[in-house]
N, C-alpha and C. Protein backbone atom coordinates (compact mmCIF):
# COMPACT_ATOMS: atom_id res chain seq x y z
N MET A 1 44.70 108.22 22.06
CA MET A 1 45.21 109.48 22.57
C MET A 1 45.65 110.40 21.44
N LEU A 2 45.74 109.90 20.24
CA LEU A 2 46.14 110.74 19.11
C LEU A 2 44.94 111.35 18.40
N ASP A 3 43.76 111.22 18.98
CA ASP A 3 42.53 111.76 18.41
C ASP A 3 42.61 113.27 18.30
N LEU A 4 42.40 113.80 17.09
CA LEU A 4 42.46 115.24 16.87
C LEU A 4 41.08 115.89 16.74
N ASP A 5 40.03 115.09 16.91
CA ASP A 5 38.68 115.65 16.83
C ASP A 5 38.41 116.49 18.07
N GLU A 6 37.97 117.74 17.84
CA GLU A 6 37.68 118.64 18.96
C GLU A 6 36.38 118.23 19.62
N LYS A 7 36.39 118.25 20.95
CA LYS A 7 35.20 117.95 21.73
C LYS A 7 35.31 118.65 23.07
N ASP A 8 34.23 118.75 23.76
CA ASP A 8 34.22 119.39 25.08
C ASP A 8 34.72 118.39 26.11
N LEU A 9 35.95 118.56 26.54
CA LEU A 9 36.54 117.67 27.55
C LEU A 9 36.61 118.34 28.92
N SER A 10 36.02 119.52 29.05
CA SER A 10 36.18 120.33 30.27
C SER A 10 35.60 119.67 31.52
N THR A 11 34.69 118.73 31.36
CA THR A 11 34.14 118.04 32.53
C THR A 11 34.77 116.66 32.73
N THR A 12 35.74 116.33 31.89
CA THR A 12 36.39 115.02 31.92
C THR A 12 37.72 115.11 32.67
N THR A 13 37.98 114.12 33.53
CA THR A 13 39.28 114.06 34.21
C THR A 13 40.20 113.15 33.40
N TYR A 14 41.48 113.23 33.69
CA TYR A 14 42.44 112.36 33.01
C TYR A 14 42.15 110.90 33.35
N ASN A 15 41.78 110.61 34.59
CA ASN A 15 41.42 109.23 34.95
C ASN A 15 40.27 108.72 34.09
N GLN A 16 39.25 109.55 33.91
CA GLN A 16 38.11 109.15 33.09
C GLN A 16 38.52 108.92 31.64
N LEU A 17 39.34 109.80 31.12
CA LEU A 17 39.80 109.67 29.74
C LEU A 17 40.60 108.39 29.56
N MET A 18 41.52 108.14 30.46
CA MET A 18 42.36 106.94 30.34
C MET A 18 41.54 105.67 30.46
N LEU A 19 40.58 105.68 31.36
CA LEU A 19 39.71 104.52 31.54
C LEU A 19 38.90 104.27 30.26
N ALA A 20 38.37 105.33 29.68
CA ALA A 20 37.60 105.20 28.45
C ALA A 20 38.49 104.74 27.29
N GLN A 21 39.69 105.28 27.19
CA GLN A 21 40.60 104.89 26.11
C GLN A 21 40.99 103.42 26.21
N ALA A 22 41.11 102.93 27.44
CA ALA A 22 41.52 101.54 27.65
C ALA A 22 40.34 100.58 27.60
N GLY A 23 39.13 101.12 27.54
CA GLY A 23 37.95 100.26 27.51
C GLY A 23 37.67 99.61 28.85
N GLY A 24 38.08 100.28 29.92
CA GLY A 24 37.88 99.74 31.26
C GLY A 24 36.52 100.11 31.82
N SER A 25 36.13 99.42 32.88
CA SER A 25 34.86 99.72 33.55
C SER A 25 35.14 100.54 34.81
N ALA A 26 34.12 101.15 35.33
CA ALA A 26 34.25 102.06 36.47
C ALA A 26 34.77 101.37 37.73
N ASP A 27 34.66 100.06 37.82
CA ASP A 27 35.12 99.34 39.02
C ASP A 27 36.61 98.97 38.95
N VAL A 28 37.30 99.40 37.90
CA VAL A 28 38.72 99.10 37.71
C VAL A 28 39.51 100.40 37.76
N ARG A 29 40.67 100.37 38.43
CA ARG A 29 41.55 101.55 38.43
C ARG A 29 42.02 101.82 37.00
N PRO A 30 42.10 103.08 36.59
CA PRO A 30 42.56 103.38 35.23
C PRO A 30 43.92 102.78 34.92
N GLN A 31 44.83 102.78 35.90
CA GLN A 31 46.17 102.21 35.68
C GLN A 31 46.07 100.73 35.30
N GLU A 32 45.18 100.01 35.97
CA GLU A 32 45.01 98.58 35.68
C GLU A 32 44.41 98.37 34.29
N ALA A 33 43.43 99.19 33.93
CA ALA A 33 42.80 99.07 32.62
C ALA A 33 43.80 99.36 31.50
N VAL A 34 44.60 100.41 31.67
CA VAL A 34 45.59 100.76 30.65
C VAL A 34 46.67 99.69 30.57
N ALA A 35 47.14 99.22 31.71
CA ALA A 35 48.18 98.18 31.72
C ALA A 35 47.70 96.94 30.96
N LYS A 36 46.46 96.57 31.21
CA LYS A 36 45.90 95.40 30.51
C LYS A 36 45.79 95.69 29.01
N ALA A 37 45.32 96.88 28.65
CA ALA A 37 45.12 97.22 27.24
C ALA A 37 46.42 97.26 26.46
N VAL A 38 47.50 97.72 27.09
CA VAL A 38 48.77 97.83 26.36
C VAL A 38 49.71 96.66 26.61
N GLY A 39 49.30 95.75 27.48
CA GLY A 39 50.09 94.55 27.72
C GLY A 39 51.35 94.78 28.53
N HIS A 40 51.28 95.71 29.48
CA HIS A 40 52.42 95.98 30.37
C HIS A 40 51.98 95.80 31.81
N PRO A 41 52.90 95.47 32.71
CA PRO A 41 52.52 95.32 34.12
C PRO A 41 52.10 96.65 34.73
N VAL A 42 51.14 96.60 35.63
CA VAL A 42 50.62 97.82 36.24
C VAL A 42 51.70 98.52 37.08
N ASP A 43 52.69 97.78 37.54
CA ASP A 43 53.77 98.39 38.32
C ASP A 43 55.03 98.60 37.48
N GLY A 44 54.89 98.52 36.16
CA GLY A 44 56.03 98.66 35.26
C GLY A 44 56.32 100.11 34.90
N GLU A 45 57.39 100.27 34.13
CA GLU A 45 57.87 101.61 33.77
C GLU A 45 56.89 102.40 32.90
N VAL A 46 56.16 101.74 32.03
CA VAL A 46 55.22 102.45 31.15
C VAL A 46 54.14 103.14 31.97
N ILE A 47 53.53 102.41 32.88
CA ILE A 47 52.47 102.97 33.71
C ILE A 47 53.05 104.02 34.67
N LYS A 48 54.24 103.78 35.19
CA LYS A 48 54.88 104.78 36.06
C LYS A 48 55.12 106.08 35.31
N ALA A 49 55.56 105.98 34.06
CA ALA A 49 55.79 107.19 33.26
C ALA A 49 54.48 107.93 33.01
N MET A 50 53.43 107.19 32.75
CA MET A 50 52.13 107.82 32.52
C MET A 50 51.62 108.49 33.80
N GLU A 51 51.87 107.85 34.94
CA GLU A 51 51.51 108.47 36.23
C GLU A 51 52.31 109.75 36.44
N TRP A 52 53.62 109.69 36.19
CA TRP A 52 54.48 110.86 36.36
C TRP A 52 53.99 112.03 35.51
N LEU A 53 53.56 111.73 34.30
CA LEU A 53 53.09 112.78 33.40
C LEU A 53 51.78 113.40 33.89
N GLY A 54 51.00 112.64 34.63
CA GLY A 54 49.73 113.16 35.15
C GLY A 54 48.51 112.59 34.48
N LEU A 55 48.67 111.49 33.76
CA LEU A 55 47.55 110.89 33.05
C LEU A 55 46.58 110.14 33.97
N PHE A 56 46.97 109.88 35.20
CA PHE A 56 46.09 109.19 36.14
C PHE A 56 45.77 110.10 37.32
N THR A 57 45.13 111.21 37.04
CA THR A 57 44.72 112.15 38.09
C THR A 57 43.26 112.49 37.90
N ASP A 58 42.70 113.13 38.90
CA ASP A 58 41.32 113.61 38.80
C ASP A 58 41.28 115.07 38.36
N ASN A 59 42.39 115.57 37.82
CA ASN A 59 42.41 116.93 37.27
C ASN A 59 41.55 116.97 36.01
N LYS A 60 40.84 118.07 35.85
CA LYS A 60 40.02 118.27 34.65
C LYS A 60 40.93 118.57 33.46
N ILE A 61 40.51 118.14 32.29
CA ILE A 61 41.27 118.36 31.07
C ILE A 61 41.00 119.77 30.56
N GLU A 62 42.06 120.47 30.22
CA GLU A 62 41.96 121.86 29.77
C GLU A 62 42.20 121.99 28.26
N ALA A 63 41.94 120.94 27.52
CA ALA A 63 42.18 120.96 26.07
C ALA A 63 40.94 120.45 25.36
N LYS A 64 40.93 120.63 24.04
CA LYS A 64 39.77 120.22 23.25
C LYS A 64 39.98 118.93 22.47
N THR A 65 41.21 118.42 22.44
CA THR A 65 41.46 117.14 21.78
C THR A 65 42.27 116.26 22.72
N HIS A 66 42.22 114.96 22.47
CA HIS A 66 43.00 114.03 23.30
C HIS A 66 44.49 114.33 23.19
N LEU A 67 44.96 114.55 21.96
CA LEU A 67 46.38 114.84 21.76
C LEU A 67 46.79 116.11 22.50
N ASP A 68 45.98 117.15 22.40
CA ASP A 68 46.30 118.40 23.10
C ASP A 68 46.29 118.22 24.62
N SER A 69 45.47 117.30 25.11
CA SER A 69 45.44 117.07 26.56
C SER A 69 46.78 116.53 27.05
N VAL A 70 47.41 115.67 26.25
CA VAL A 70 48.73 115.14 26.61
C VAL A 70 49.78 116.25 26.49
N CYS A 71 49.68 117.06 25.45
CA CYS A 71 50.62 118.17 25.26
C CYS A 71 50.54 119.14 26.43
N GLU A 72 49.35 119.41 26.91
CA GLU A 72 49.18 120.31 28.06
C GLU A 72 49.89 119.76 29.29
N LEU A 73 49.77 118.46 29.51
CA LEU A 73 50.48 117.86 30.66
C LEU A 73 51.99 117.97 30.49
N MET A 74 52.47 117.74 29.29
CA MET A 74 53.91 117.83 29.04
C MET A 74 54.42 119.24 29.31
N LYS A 75 53.65 120.24 28.90
CA LYS A 75 54.08 121.63 29.12
C LYS A 75 54.15 121.99 30.60
N LYS A 76 53.40 121.27 31.42
CA LYS A 76 53.39 121.56 32.87
C LYS A 76 54.54 120.88 33.61
N GLN A 77 55.24 119.97 32.96
CA GLN A 77 56.33 119.24 33.60
C GLN A 77 57.65 119.98 33.39
N PRO A 78 58.21 120.56 34.44
CA PRO A 78 59.46 121.31 34.26
C PRO A 78 60.61 120.46 33.74
N THR A 79 60.60 119.17 34.00
CA THR A 79 61.70 118.33 33.53
C THR A 79 61.55 117.96 32.06
N MET A 80 60.49 118.42 31.42
CA MET A 80 60.33 118.18 29.99
C MET A 80 61.10 119.22 29.16
N TYR A 81 61.65 120.20 29.80
CA TYR A 81 62.39 121.27 29.11
C TYR A 81 63.88 121.08 29.32
N TYR A 82 64.66 121.56 28.38
CA TYR A 82 66.10 121.49 28.53
C TYR A 82 66.55 122.53 29.55
N ALA A 83 67.47 122.13 30.39
CA ALA A 83 68.08 123.06 31.34
C ALA A 83 69.09 123.92 30.59
N GLU A 84 69.51 124.98 31.23
CA GLU A 84 70.51 125.87 30.65
C GLU A 84 71.73 125.05 30.23
N GLY A 85 72.14 125.20 28.98
CA GLY A 85 73.32 124.50 28.48
C GLY A 85 73.04 123.12 27.91
N GLU A 86 71.86 122.57 28.12
CA GLU A 86 71.52 121.26 27.57
C GLU A 86 71.05 121.38 26.13
N LYS A 87 71.32 120.35 25.34
CA LYS A 87 70.88 120.28 23.95
C LYS A 87 70.46 118.86 23.65
N ASP A 88 69.69 118.69 22.59
CA ASP A 88 69.37 117.34 22.17
C ASP A 88 70.33 116.89 21.08
N MET A 89 70.25 115.62 20.78
CA MET A 89 71.12 115.00 19.79
C MET A 89 70.35 113.84 19.19
N ILE A 90 70.52 113.64 17.90
CA ILE A 90 69.89 112.51 17.21
C ILE A 90 70.99 111.56 16.78
N VAL A 91 70.81 110.28 17.08
CA VAL A 91 71.72 109.24 16.60
C VAL A 91 70.85 108.20 15.91
N MET A 92 71.16 107.93 14.65
CA MET A 92 70.38 106.97 13.88
C MET A 92 71.34 106.07 13.13
N LYS A 93 71.08 104.78 13.18
CA LYS A 93 71.92 103.84 12.43
C LYS A 93 71.02 102.76 11.85
N HIS A 94 71.19 102.54 10.55
CA HIS A 94 70.47 101.48 9.86
C HIS A 94 71.52 100.51 9.33
N THR A 95 71.26 99.23 9.48
CA THR A 95 72.18 98.22 8.96
C THR A 95 71.44 97.38 7.92
N TYR A 96 72.19 96.97 6.91
CA TYR A 96 71.62 96.22 5.80
C TYR A 96 72.51 95.03 5.48
N GLU A 97 71.89 93.96 5.08
CA GLU A 97 72.59 92.80 4.57
C GLU A 97 72.14 92.63 3.12
N VAL A 98 73.07 92.80 2.18
CA VAL A 98 72.74 92.76 0.76
C VAL A 98 73.43 91.56 0.14
N GLU A 99 72.64 90.70 -0.45
CA GLU A 99 73.19 89.49 -1.06
C GLU A 99 73.31 89.65 -2.57
N TYR A 100 74.52 89.36 -3.06
CA TYR A 100 74.79 89.32 -4.49
C TYR A 100 75.11 87.87 -4.85
N SER A 101 75.26 87.59 -6.13
CA SER A 101 75.52 86.20 -6.53
C SER A 101 76.87 85.70 -6.01
N ASP A 102 77.84 86.61 -5.86
CA ASP A 102 79.18 86.18 -5.46
C ASP A 102 79.59 86.60 -4.05
N ARG A 103 78.75 87.39 -3.36
CA ARG A 103 79.14 87.89 -2.04
C ARG A 103 77.92 88.41 -1.28
N THR A 104 78.12 88.59 0.01
CA THR A 104 77.14 89.27 0.86
C THR A 104 77.84 90.47 1.47
N GLU A 105 77.21 91.63 1.36
CA GLU A 105 77.78 92.85 1.93
C GLU A 105 76.93 93.28 3.13
N TYR A 106 77.62 93.69 4.17
CA TYR A 106 76.97 94.23 5.35
C TYR A 106 77.25 95.73 5.38
N LEU A 107 76.19 96.50 5.21
CA LEU A 107 76.32 97.95 5.06
C LEU A 107 75.63 98.65 6.23
N SER A 108 76.05 99.87 6.48
CA SER A 108 75.34 100.68 7.47
C SER A 108 75.35 102.13 7.03
N THR A 109 74.35 102.83 7.46
CA THR A 109 74.27 104.27 7.26
C THR A 109 73.92 104.86 8.60
N GLN A 110 74.62 105.91 8.95
CA GLN A 110 74.36 106.50 10.26
C GLN A 110 74.35 108.01 10.20
N LEU A 111 73.63 108.57 11.15
CA LEU A 111 73.50 110.02 11.27
C LEU A 111 73.70 110.38 12.73
N VAL A 112 74.53 111.37 12.96
CA VAL A 112 74.66 111.98 14.28
C VAL A 112 74.46 113.47 14.06
N ASP A 113 73.45 114.03 14.72
CA ASP A 113 73.14 115.44 14.54
C ASP A 113 72.93 116.07 15.92
N TYR A 114 73.45 117.28 16.09
CA TYR A 114 73.36 118.00 17.36
C TYR A 114 72.51 119.25 17.20
N ALA A 115 71.87 119.66 18.29
CA ALA A 115 71.14 120.92 18.30
C ALA A 115 72.10 122.07 18.01
N LEU A 116 71.55 123.15 17.50
CA LEU A 116 72.36 124.33 17.21
C LEU A 116 72.48 125.21 18.45
N ASP A 117 73.50 126.04 18.48
CA ASP A 117 73.71 126.93 19.63
C ASP A 117 72.59 127.95 19.80
N ASP A 118 71.83 128.22 18.73
CA ASP A 118 70.74 129.20 18.84
C ASP A 118 69.47 128.62 19.47
N GLY A 119 69.53 127.34 19.88
CA GLY A 119 68.38 126.70 20.52
C GLY A 119 67.57 125.82 19.59
N THR A 120 67.89 125.81 18.30
CA THR A 120 67.18 124.95 17.36
C THR A 120 67.53 123.50 17.68
N THR A 121 66.53 122.69 17.97
CA THR A 121 66.79 121.31 18.37
C THR A 121 67.12 120.44 17.17
N SER A 122 67.86 119.39 17.45
CA SER A 122 68.17 118.42 16.41
C SER A 122 66.89 117.73 15.95
N MET A 123 65.99 117.47 16.87
CA MET A 123 64.73 116.83 16.50
C MET A 123 63.96 117.69 15.50
N SER A 124 63.88 118.99 15.76
CA SER A 124 63.15 119.86 14.83
C SER A 124 63.87 119.93 13.48
N ARG A 125 65.20 119.93 13.49
CA ARG A 125 65.97 119.99 12.24
C ARG A 125 65.77 118.72 11.41
N THR A 126 65.88 117.56 12.05
CA THR A 126 65.86 116.30 11.31
C THR A 126 64.45 115.87 10.91
N VAL A 127 63.44 116.49 11.51
CA VAL A 127 62.06 116.21 11.11
C VAL A 127 61.54 117.30 10.18
N GLY A 128 61.74 118.55 10.55
CA GLY A 128 61.17 119.67 9.80
C GLY A 128 61.86 119.97 8.49
N ILE A 129 63.19 119.94 8.47
CA ILE A 129 63.91 120.32 7.26
C ILE A 129 63.65 119.36 6.10
N PRO A 130 63.67 118.04 6.31
CA PRO A 130 63.37 117.16 5.17
C PRO A 130 61.97 117.40 4.58
N VAL A 131 61.00 117.63 5.44
CA VAL A 131 59.64 117.89 4.95
C VAL A 131 59.60 119.21 4.19
N ALA A 132 60.25 120.23 4.72
CA ALA A 132 60.28 121.53 4.04
C ALA A 132 60.99 121.42 2.69
N LEU A 133 62.10 120.70 2.65
CA LEU A 133 62.83 120.52 1.39
C LEU A 133 61.99 119.77 0.36
N ALA A 134 61.34 118.70 0.79
CA ALA A 134 60.50 117.92 -0.13
C ALA A 134 59.36 118.78 -0.66
N THR A 135 58.75 119.57 0.21
CA THR A 135 57.66 120.45 -0.22
C THR A 135 58.16 121.45 -1.26
N ARG A 136 59.30 122.08 -0.98
CA ARG A 136 59.86 123.04 -1.94
C ARG A 136 60.17 122.36 -3.27
N MET A 137 60.73 121.15 -3.21
CA MET A 137 61.09 120.45 -4.45
C MET A 137 59.87 120.06 -5.26
N VAL A 138 58.79 119.73 -4.61
CA VAL A 138 57.54 119.44 -5.32
C VAL A 138 57.04 120.71 -6.00
N LEU A 139 57.04 121.82 -5.24
CA LEU A 139 56.55 123.08 -5.79
C LEU A 139 57.42 123.59 -6.93
N GLU A 140 58.73 123.35 -6.85
CA GLU A 140 59.65 123.81 -7.90
C GLU A 140 59.74 122.83 -9.07
N GLY A 141 59.15 121.66 -8.93
CA GLY A 141 59.18 120.68 -10.01
C GLY A 141 60.37 119.75 -9.99
N THR A 142 61.22 119.82 -8.98
CA THR A 142 62.35 118.90 -8.87
C THR A 142 61.86 117.48 -8.63
N ILE A 143 60.84 117.36 -7.80
CA ILE A 143 60.17 116.08 -7.59
C ILE A 143 58.85 116.17 -8.34
N THR A 144 58.63 115.22 -9.25
CA THR A 144 57.44 115.27 -10.09
C THR A 144 56.57 114.04 -9.87
N GLY A 145 55.44 114.05 -10.53
CA GLY A 145 54.51 112.94 -10.42
C GLY A 145 53.36 113.32 -9.52
N SER A 146 52.41 112.45 -9.43
CA SER A 146 51.26 112.73 -8.59
C SER A 146 51.07 111.61 -7.58
N GLY A 147 50.27 111.89 -6.60
CA GLY A 147 49.97 110.90 -5.58
C GLY A 147 50.97 110.91 -4.44
N ILE A 148 50.80 109.97 -3.56
CA ILE A 148 51.67 109.85 -2.39
C ILE A 148 52.97 109.19 -2.81
N LYS A 149 54.06 109.77 -2.41
CA LYS A 149 55.39 109.24 -2.76
C LYS A 149 56.13 108.86 -1.49
N ILE A 150 56.84 107.77 -1.53
CA ILE A 150 57.72 107.42 -0.43
C ILE A 150 59.15 107.51 -0.93
N PRO A 151 60.07 107.86 -0.05
CA PRO A 151 61.44 108.16 -0.51
C PRO A 151 62.32 106.93 -0.75
N ILE A 152 61.85 106.03 -1.61
CA ILE A 152 62.69 104.88 -1.95
C ILE A 152 63.14 104.93 -3.41
N VAL A 153 62.84 106.05 -4.05
CA VAL A 153 63.22 106.25 -5.45
C VAL A 153 64.35 107.28 -5.47
N ALA A 154 65.41 106.96 -6.17
CA ALA A 154 66.59 107.84 -6.19
C ALA A 154 66.25 109.26 -6.64
N ASP A 155 65.30 109.41 -7.55
CA ASP A 155 64.91 110.75 -8.01
C ASP A 155 64.29 111.58 -6.89
N ILE A 156 63.84 110.93 -5.84
CA ILE A 156 63.27 111.64 -4.69
C ILE A 156 64.32 111.80 -3.59
N TYR A 157 64.96 110.70 -3.20
CA TYR A 157 65.84 110.81 -2.04
C TYR A 157 67.18 111.47 -2.32
N ASN A 158 67.73 111.32 -3.51
CA ASN A 158 69.03 111.96 -3.77
C ASN A 158 69.00 113.48 -3.68
N PRO A 159 68.03 114.17 -4.31
CA PRO A 159 68.00 115.63 -4.16
C PRO A 159 67.77 116.07 -2.71
N ILE A 160 66.97 115.30 -1.99
CA ILE A 160 66.71 115.66 -0.59
C ILE A 160 67.97 115.45 0.25
N LEU A 161 68.66 114.34 0.04
CA LEU A 161 69.90 114.10 0.79
C LEU A 161 70.95 115.15 0.46
N ASP A 162 71.03 115.55 -0.81
CA ASP A 162 71.98 116.60 -1.20
C ASP A 162 71.64 117.92 -0.51
N ALA A 163 70.37 118.26 -0.48
CA ALA A 163 69.95 119.51 0.18
C ALA A 163 70.15 119.43 1.69
N LEU A 164 69.92 118.26 2.28
CA LEU A 164 70.15 118.09 3.72
C LEU A 164 71.63 118.29 4.06
N ALA A 165 72.50 117.80 3.20
CA ALA A 165 73.94 117.96 3.42
C ALA A 165 74.32 119.44 3.49
N LYS A 166 73.66 120.27 2.67
CA LYS A 166 73.92 121.72 2.72
C LYS A 166 73.46 122.33 4.02
N GLU A 167 72.53 121.66 4.71
CA GLU A 167 72.05 122.11 6.02
C GLU A 167 72.86 121.50 7.16
N GLY A 168 73.87 120.69 6.80
CA GLY A 168 74.71 120.07 7.82
C GLY A 168 74.15 118.76 8.36
N ILE A 169 73.14 118.23 7.72
CA ILE A 169 72.55 116.94 8.13
C ILE A 169 73.03 115.90 7.13
N VAL A 170 74.01 115.09 7.57
CA VAL A 170 74.69 114.20 6.64
C VAL A 170 74.68 112.77 7.18
N PHE A 171 74.27 111.85 6.32
CA PHE A 171 74.34 110.43 6.62
C PHE A 171 75.67 109.90 6.11
N GLU A 172 76.32 109.06 6.91
CA GLU A 172 77.57 108.44 6.50
C GLU A 172 77.31 106.97 6.19
N ASP A 173 77.65 106.57 4.97
CA ASP A 173 77.45 105.19 4.54
C ASP A 173 78.78 104.45 4.62
N THR A 174 78.73 103.23 5.14
CA THR A 174 79.95 102.41 5.21
C THR A 174 79.64 100.98 4.81
N VAL A 175 80.64 100.35 4.23
CA VAL A 175 80.60 98.91 3.99
C VAL A 175 81.33 98.29 5.17
N ASP A 176 80.60 97.62 6.03
CA ASP A 176 81.19 97.09 7.26
C ASP A 176 81.91 95.78 7.04
N LYS A 177 81.41 94.97 6.13
CA LYS A 177 82.02 93.66 5.90
C LYS A 177 81.54 93.10 4.57
N VAL A 178 82.41 92.38 3.90
CA VAL A 178 82.06 91.69 2.66
C VAL A 178 82.45 90.23 2.84
N VAL A 179 81.50 89.34 2.60
CA VAL A 179 81.77 87.91 2.70
C VAL A 179 81.59 87.29 1.33
N LYS A 180 82.69 86.74 0.81
CA LYS A 180 82.64 86.09 -0.51
C LYS A 180 81.93 84.74 -0.39
N LYS A 181 81.14 84.43 -1.39
CA LYS A 181 80.45 83.14 -1.43
C LYS A 181 81.34 82.11 -2.09
N GLU A 182 81.29 80.89 -1.54
CA GLU A 182 82.09 79.81 -2.12
C GLU A 182 81.32 79.22 -3.30
N ASN A 183 82.08 78.88 -4.35
CA ASN A 183 81.45 78.31 -5.55
C ASN A 183 81.22 76.85 -5.42
């Protein structure tokens, strides 16, 4: 369903697409084929959610890619939008167990971020801003080197975390527990 290749889907229904994606045959209901392919019960929450979205209908697809076909369905669902006064929120917590020669430390880092009053969602802030900052830092030479980089190097993540803090996106680090090792 994440296929971005453009093709003529105008004669294809969602049922046909789902059946093809699941590798099912025409004598099987699309819900059954998908349930089998993803390893969930046909009467379970995953298939119910897909039905609610409209993935198991005989409606023709009005998009040119598989991904856009799902986006089109989402845009048609009124409950996919925030109601007046509603906002999103991101809560993220990572826990770590770090062993040293004399102790084990249990650490956590957490982020709680809320949408802004102007309608900017927390999801867009916490996804878009880090990418924009990293891009700017590459262009300005703050982040150097070539090739694909992952943010596990302090020279990459520290400047980005500092810049995120200026945007109000702050991770809080805590030492939750320290256990001394017996000699």
